[in-house]
């Protein structure tokens, strides 16, 4: 998620993004029809997910590639709280995200968002945690917001409030974000 976007942005590789969308399309289409095909997720990935998040209610997953290695981007809820996790096919966590409330954003992050997009409405806030072995480290925040002129923007911010990525969401993504609220 966060690390993946940063590597793509740094490389400026449009082809990688397009290839990822093309490869993920069949999985996304199957999920839209109500079929999650959870049996296609390797057991090691599911075991790792369930060890960290018991009883996840999975509602979407895609198989993706980063640095030549496959991983699974899994969206799920635990006790009603939205989460996402990136897990390599050997069961190694890359990172995970959990939804938080606006009041729980660090002041530096909230100020950076307000300064960049005054009068915006925050639609979704995810706290990103990087995982290395058994160690977990706060990596940053993803904030989806609607600007005063009705554009949907996703910001990725470091814990200190520095904006590290900004993306205008496409029409299709706008609809998905509205449905989730």
C-alpha atoms as a PDB file:
ATOM      1  CA  UNK A   1       0.000   0.000   0.000  1.00  0.00           C
ATOM      2  CA  UNK A   2       2.111   2.956   1.260  1.00  0.00           C
ATOM      3  CA  UNK A   3       5.522   1.502   0.386  1.00  0.00           C
ATOM      4  CA  UNK A   4       4.177   0.212  -2.921  1.00  0.00           C
ATOM      5  CA  UNK A   5       2.885   3.661  -3.945  1.00  0.00           C
ATOM      6  CA  UNK A   6       6.116   5.341  -2.947  1.00  0.00           C
ATOM      7  CA  UNK A   7       8.232   2.955  -5.033  1.00  0.00           C
ATOM      8  CA  UNK A   8       5.995   3.427  -8.052  1.00  0.00           C
ATOM      9  CA  UNK A   9       6.038   7.204  -7.670  1.00  0.00           C
ATOM     10  CA  UNK A  10       9.817   7.259  -7.311  1.00  0.00           C
ATOM     11  CA  UNK A  11      10.320   5.082 -10.353  1.00  0.00           C
ATOM     12  CA  UNK A  12       7.764   6.995 -12.413  1.00  0.00           C
ATOM     13  CA  UNK A  13       6.677   3.716 -13.920  1.00  0.00           C
ATOM     14  CA  UNK A  14       3.288   4.158 -15.542  1.00  0.00           C
ATOM     15  CA  UNK A  15       3.570   0.738 -17.164  1.00  0.00           C
ATOM     16  CA  UNK A  16       3.800  -0.959 -13.778  1.00  0.00           C
ATOM     17  CA  UNK A  17       0.586   0.722 -12.676  1.00  0.00           C
ATOM     18  CA  UNK A  18      -1.218  -0.237 -15.880  1.00  0.00           C
ATOM     19  CA  UNK A  19       0.078  -3.812 -15.691  1.00  0.00           C
ATOM     20  CA  UNK A  20      -1.063  -4.056 -12.079  1.00  0.00           C
ATOM     21  CA  UNK A  21      -4.544  -2.851 -12.999  1.00  0.00           C
ATOM     22  CA  UNK A  22      -4.768  -5.307 -15.872  1.00  0.00           C
ATOM     23  CA  UNK A  23      -3.562  -8.229 -13.729  1.00  0.00           C
ATOM     24  CA  UNK A  24      -5.862  -7.329 -10.831  1.00  0.00           C
ATOM     25  CA  UNK A  25      -8.937  -6.888 -13.045  1.00  0.00           C
ATOM     26  CA  UNK A  26      -9.976 -10.579 -13.164  1.00  0.00           C
ATOM     27  CA  UNK A  27      -9.780 -10.853  -9.366  1.00  0.00           C
ATOM     28  CA  UNK A  28     -11.733  -7.628  -8.868  1.00  0.00           C
ATOM     29  CA  UNK A  29     -14.380  -8.734 -11.361  1.00  0.00           C
ATOM     30  CA  UNK A  30     -14.887 -12.037  -9.569  1.00  0.00           C
ATOM     31  CA  UNK A  31     -15.247 -10.230  -6.267  1.00  0.00           C
ATOM     32  CA  UNK A  32     -17.796  -7.789  -7.657  1.00  0.00           C
ATOM     33  CA  UNK A  33     -20.021 -10.731  -8.541  1.00  0.00           C
ATOM     34  CA  UNK A  34     -19.985 -11.817  -4.897  1.00  0.00           C
ATOM     35  CA  UNK A  35     -17.293 -14.475  -5.265  1.00  0.00           C
ATOM     36  CA  UNK A  36     -14.294 -13.901  -3.059  1.00  0.00           C
ATOM     37  CA  UNK A  37     -12.600 -17.202  -3.951  1.00  0.00           C
ATOM     38  CA  UNK A  38     -10.788 -17.193  -0.615  1.00  0.00           C
ATOM     39  CA  UNK A  39      -9.443 -20.656  -1.400  1.00  0.00           C
ATOM     40  CA  UNK A  40      -7.149 -18.978  -3.974  1.00  0.00           C
ATOM     41  CA  UNK A  41      -5.313 -17.141  -1.193  1.00  0.00           C
ATOM     42  CA  UNK A  42      -2.373 -19.301  -0.023  1.00  0.00           C
ATOM     43  CA  UNK A  43      -2.798 -20.959   3.377  1.00  0.00           C
ATOM     44  CA  UNK A  44       0.331 -19.221   4.700  1.00  0.00           C
ATOM     45  CA  UNK A  45      -1.208 -15.834   3.877  1.00  0.00           C
ATOM     46  CA  UNK A  46      -4.524 -16.705   5.544  1.00  0.00           C
ATOM     47  CA  UNK A  47      -2.743 -18.167   8.587  1.00  0.00           C
ATOM     48  CA  UNK A  48      -0.669 -14.989   8.989  1.00  0.00           C
ATOM     49  CA  UNK A  49      -3.755 -12.783   8.632  1.00  0.00           C
ATOM     50  CA  UNK A  50      -5.757 -14.783  11.165  1.00  0.00           C
ATOM     51  CA  UNK A  51      -2.838 -14.922  13.624  1.00  0.00           C
ATOM     52  CA  UNK A  52      -2.683 -11.107  13.730  1.00  0.00           C
ATOM     53  CA  UNK A  53      -6.398 -10.439  13.172  1.00  0.00           C
ATOM     54  CA  UNK A  54      -8.576 -13.285  14.480  1.00  0.00           C
ATOM     55  CA  UNK A  55     -11.885 -13.715  12.642  1.00  0.00           C
ATOM     56  CA  UNK A  56     -11.328 -11.216   9.799  1.00  0.00           C
ATOM     57  CA  UNK A  57     -14.414 -10.511   7.692  1.00  0.00           C
ATOM     58  CA  UNK A  58     -12.732 -10.359   4.263  1.00  0.00           C
ATOM     59  CA  UNK A  59     -14.624  -8.408   1.616  1.00  0.00           C
ATOM     60  CA  UNK A  60     -11.969  -7.884  -1.088  1.00  0.00           C
ATOM     61  CA  UNK A  61      -8.514  -9.126  -2.041  1.00  0.00           C
ATOM     62  CA  UNK A  62      -6.106  -8.790  -4.935  1.00  0.00           C
ATOM     63  CA  UNK A  63      -2.824 -10.455  -5.819  1.00  0.00           C
ATOM     64  CA  UNK A  64      -0.197  -7.858  -6.696  1.00  0.00           C
ATOM     65  CA  UNK A  65       3.535  -7.670  -7.373  1.00  0.00           C
ATOM     66  CA  UNK A  66       6.126  -5.347  -5.839  1.00  0.00           C
ATOM     67  CA  UNK A  67       9.874  -5.569  -6.451  1.00  0.00           C
ATOM     68  CA  UNK A  68       9.306  -8.799  -8.383  1.00  0.00           C
ATOM     69  CA  UNK A  69       7.604 -10.483  -5.419  1.00  0.00           C
ATOM     70  CA  UNK A  70       3.930 -11.383  -5.148  1.00  0.00           C
ATOM     71  CA  UNK A  71       1.818 -10.204  -2.254  1.00  0.00           C
ATOM     72  CA  UNK A  72      -1.860 -10.166  -1.337  1.00  0.00           C
ATOM     73  CA  UNK A  73      -3.693  -6.916  -0.603  1.00  0.00           C
ATOM     74  CA  UNK A  74      -6.598  -7.954   1.613  1.00  0.00           C
ATOM     75  CA  UNK A  75      -9.410  -5.657   2.739  1.00  0.00           C
ATOM     76  CA  UNK A  76     -11.374  -6.804   5.762  1.00  0.00           C
ATOM     77  CA  UNK A  77     -13.166  -5.773   8.930  1.00  0.00           C
ATOM     78  CA  UNK A  78     -12.546  -6.811  12.508  1.00  0.00           C
ATOM     79  CA  UNK A  79     -15.378  -6.028  14.923  1.00  0.00           C
ATOM     80  CA  UNK A  80     -16.741  -3.515  12.402  1.00  0.00           C
ATOM     81  CA  UNK A  81     -13.437  -1.651  11.991  1.00  0.00           C
ATOM     82  CA  UNK A  82     -12.033  -1.477   8.457  1.00  0.00           C
ATOM     83  CA  UNK A  83      -8.531  -2.884   7.882  1.00  0.00           C
ATOM     84  CA  UNK A  84      -6.226  -3.666   4.970  1.00  0.00           C
ATOM     85  CA  UNK A  85      -3.124  -5.861   4.949  1.00  0.00           C
ATOM     86  CA  UNK A  86      -0.333  -6.549   2.476  1.00  0.00           C
ATOM     87  CA  UNK A  87       1.063 -10.055   2.992  1.00  0.00           C
ATOM     88  CA  UNK A  88       3.652 -11.873   0.871  1.00  0.00           C
ATOM     89  CA  UNK A  89       2.717 -15.344  -0.371  1.00  0.00           C
ATOM     90  CA  UNK A  90       5.054 -16.885   2.225  1.00  0.00           C
ATOM     91  CA  UNK A  91       2.962 -15.317   5.028  1.00  0.00           C
ATOM     92  CA  UNK A  92       5.279 -12.376   5.746  1.00  0.00           C
ATOM     93  CA  UNK A  93       3.458  -9.144   6.574  1.00  0.00           C
ATOM     94  CA  UNK A  94       4.586  -6.040   4.678  1.00  0.00           C
ATOM     95  CA  UNK A  95       2.197  -3.646   6.403  1.00  0.00           C
ATOM     96  CA  UNK A  96      -1.364  -3.189   7.537  1.00  0.00           C
ATOM     97  CA  UNK A  97      -3.813  -0.323   7.813  1.00  0.00           C
ATOM     98  CA  UNK A  98      -6.660   0.295  10.199  1.00  0.00           C
ATOM     99  CA  UNK A  99      -9.370   2.899   9.989  1.00  0.00           C
ATOM    100  CA  UNK A 100      -9.281   5.625  12.613  1.00  0.00           C
ATOM    101  CA  UNK A 101     -11.434   8.632  13.450  1.00  0.00           C
ATOM    102  CA  UNK A 102     -10.424  12.177  12.518  1.00  0.00           C
ATOM    103  CA  UNK A 103     -10.097  13.090  16.197  1.00  0.00           C
ATOM    104  CA  UNK A 104      -7.380  10.430  16.514  1.00  0.00           C
ATOM    105  CA  UNK A 105      -5.125  11.986  13.840  1.00  0.00           C
ATOM    106  CA  UNK A 106      -1.948  13.533  15.231  1.00  0.00           C
ATOM    107  CA  UNK A 107      -2.173  17.342  15.300  1.00  0.00           C
ATOM    108  CA  UNK A 108       0.651  17.720  12.748  1.00  0.00           C
ATOM    109  CA  UNK A 109      -1.180  15.475  10.267  1.00  0.00           C
ATOM    110  CA  UNK A 110      -4.555  17.179  10.804  1.00  0.00           C
ATOM    111  CA  UNK A 111      -2.938  20.628  10.361  1.00  0.00           C
ATOM    112  CA  UNK A 112      -1.197  19.549   7.147  1.00  0.00           C
ATOM    113  CA  UNK A 113      -4.465  18.286   5.669  1.00  0.00           C
ATOM    114  CA  UNK A 114      -6.326  21.455   6.687  1.00  0.00           C
ATOM    115  CA  UNK A 115      -3.559  23.685   5.299  1.00  0.00           C
ATOM    116  CA  UNK A 116      -3.491  21.876   1.951  1.00  0.00           C
ATOM    117  CA  UNK A 117      -7.278  21.468   1.594  1.00  0.00           C
ATOM    118  CA  UNK A 118      -9.205  23.972   3.732  1.00  0.00           C
ATOM    119  CA  UNK A 119     -12.900  23.153   4.162  1.00  0.00           C
ATOM    120  CA  UNK A 120     -12.417  19.586   2.872  1.00  0.00           C
ATOM    121  CA  UNK A 121     -14.549  16.772   4.254  1.00  0.00           C
ATOM    122  CA  UNK A 122     -12.583  13.771   5.486  1.00  0.00           C
ATOM    123  CA  UNK A 123     -14.146  10.591   4.095  1.00  0.00           C
ATOM    124  CA  UNK A 124     -11.720   7.885   5.262  1.00  0.00           C
ATOM    125  CA  UNK A 125      -8.609   7.830   7.421  1.00  0.00           C
ATOM    126  CA  UNK A 126      -6.307   4.835   7.631  1.00  0.00           C
ATOM    127  CA  UNK A 127      -3.334   4.482   9.978  1.00  0.00           C
ATOM    128  CA  UNK A 128      -0.486   2.613   8.236  1.00  0.00           C
ATOM    129  CA  UNK A 129       1.763   0.291  10.233  1.00  0.00           C
ATOM    130  CA  UNK A 130       4.919  -1.186   8.711  1.00  0.00           C
ATOM    131  CA  UNK A 131       5.836  -4.711   9.808  1.00  0.00           C
ATOM    132  CA  UNK A 132       9.405  -6.038   9.869  1.00  0.00           C
ATOM    133  CA  UNK A 133       9.634  -9.415  11.539  1.00  0.00           C
ATOM    134  CA  UNK A 134       7.827  -9.036  14.851  1.00  0.00           C
ATOM    135  CA  UNK A 135       8.440  -5.276  15.024  1.00  0.00           C
ATOM    136  CA  UNK A 136       5.688  -2.842  14.078  1.00  0.00           C
ATOM    137  CA  UNK A 137       6.314   0.815  13.270  1.00  0.00           C
ATOM    138  CA  UNK A 138       3.860   3.605  12.476  1.00  0.00           C
ATOM    139  CA  UNK A 139       4.498   4.404   8.826  1.00  0.00           C
ATOM    140  CA  UNK A 140       1.930   7.149   8.243  1.00  0.00           C
ATOM    141  CA  UNK A 141      -1.658   7.892   7.291  1.00  0.00           C
ATOM    142  CA  UNK A 142      -3.853   7.685   4.199  1.00  0.00           C
ATOM    143  CA  UNK A 143      -6.593  10.295   4.116  1.00  0.00           C
ATOM    144  CA  UNK A 144      -9.364  10.301   1.526  1.00  0.00           C
ATOM    145  CA  UNK A 145     -11.112  13.641   1.407  1.00  0.00           C
ATOM    146  CA  UNK A 146     -13.617  15.583  -0.625  1.00  0.00           C
ATOM    147  CA  UNK A 147     -12.476  19.110  -1.440  1.00  0.00           C
ATOM    148  CA  UNK A 148     -14.672  22.197  -1.375  1.00  0.00           C
ATOM    149  CA  UNK A 149     -14.935  21.866  -5.193  1.00  0.00           C
ATOM    150  CA  UNK A 150     -16.076  18.204  -4.861  1.00  0.00           C
ATOM    151  CA  UNK A 151     -12.855  16.516  -5.987  1.00  0.00           C
ATOM    152  CA  UNK A 152     -11.904  13.280  -4.224  1.00  0.00           C
ATOM    153  CA  UNK A 153      -8.256  13.234  -3.150  1.00  0.00           C
ATOM    154  CA  UNK A 154      -6.169  10.615  -1.365  1.00  0.00           C
ATOM    155  CA  UNK A 155      -3.231  11.946   0.638  1.00  0.00           C
ATOM    156  CA  UNK A 156      -0.490   9.839   2.150  1.00  0.00           C
ATOM    157  CA  UNK A 157       1.199  11.568   5.057  1.00  0.00           C
ATOM    158  CA  UNK A 158       4.161  10.769   7.273  1.00  0.00           C
ATOM    159  CA  UNK A 159       3.555  10.749  11.049  1.00  0.00           C
ATOM    160  CA  UNK A 160       5.081  14.257  11.251  1.00  0.00           C
ATOM    161  CA  UNK A 161       2.472  15.632   8.817  1.00  0.00           C
ATOM    162  CA  UNK A 162       4.635  15.780   5.693  1.00  0.00           C
ATOM    163  CA  UNK A 163       2.584  14.963   2.592  1.00  0.00           C
ATOM    164  CA  UNK A 164       4.435  12.189   0.753  1.00  0.00           C
ATOM    165  CA  UNK A 165       1.854  11.403  -1.943  1.00  0.00           C
ATOM    166  CA  UNK A 166      -1.266  12.979  -3.378  1.00  0.00           C
ATOM    167  CA  UNK A 167      -3.636  11.319  -5.819  1.00  0.00           C
ATOM    168  CA  UNK A 168      -6.846  12.511  -7.437  1.00  0.00           C
ATOM    169  CA  UNK A 169      -9.213   9.573  -7.274  1.00  0.00           C
ATOM    170  CA  UNK A 170     -10.980   8.449 -10.420  1.00  0.00           C
ATOM    171  CA  UNK A 171     -14.735   8.493 -10.795  1.00  0.00           C
ATOM    172  CA  UNK A 172     -15.007   4.759 -10.061  1.00  0.00           C
ATOM    173  CA  UNK A 173     -12.977   5.145  -6.860  1.00  0.00           C
ATOM    174  CA  UNK A 174     -15.167   8.087  -5.807  1.00  0.00           C
ATOM    175  CA  UNK A 175     -18.219   5.850  -5.963  1.00  0.00           C
ATOM    176  CA  UNK A 176     -16.500   3.132  -3.906  1.00  0.00           C
ATOM    177  CA  UNK A 177     -15.516   5.629  -1.208  1.00  0.00           C
ATOM    178  CA  UNK A 178     -19.111   6.953  -1.057  1.00  0.00           C
ATOM    179  CA  UNK A 179     -20.501   3.408  -0.701  1.00  0.00           C
ATOM    180  CA  UNK A 180     -18.181   2.720   2.242  1.00  0.00           C
ATOM    181  CA  UNK A 181     -19.524   5.658   4.248  1.00  0.00           C
END
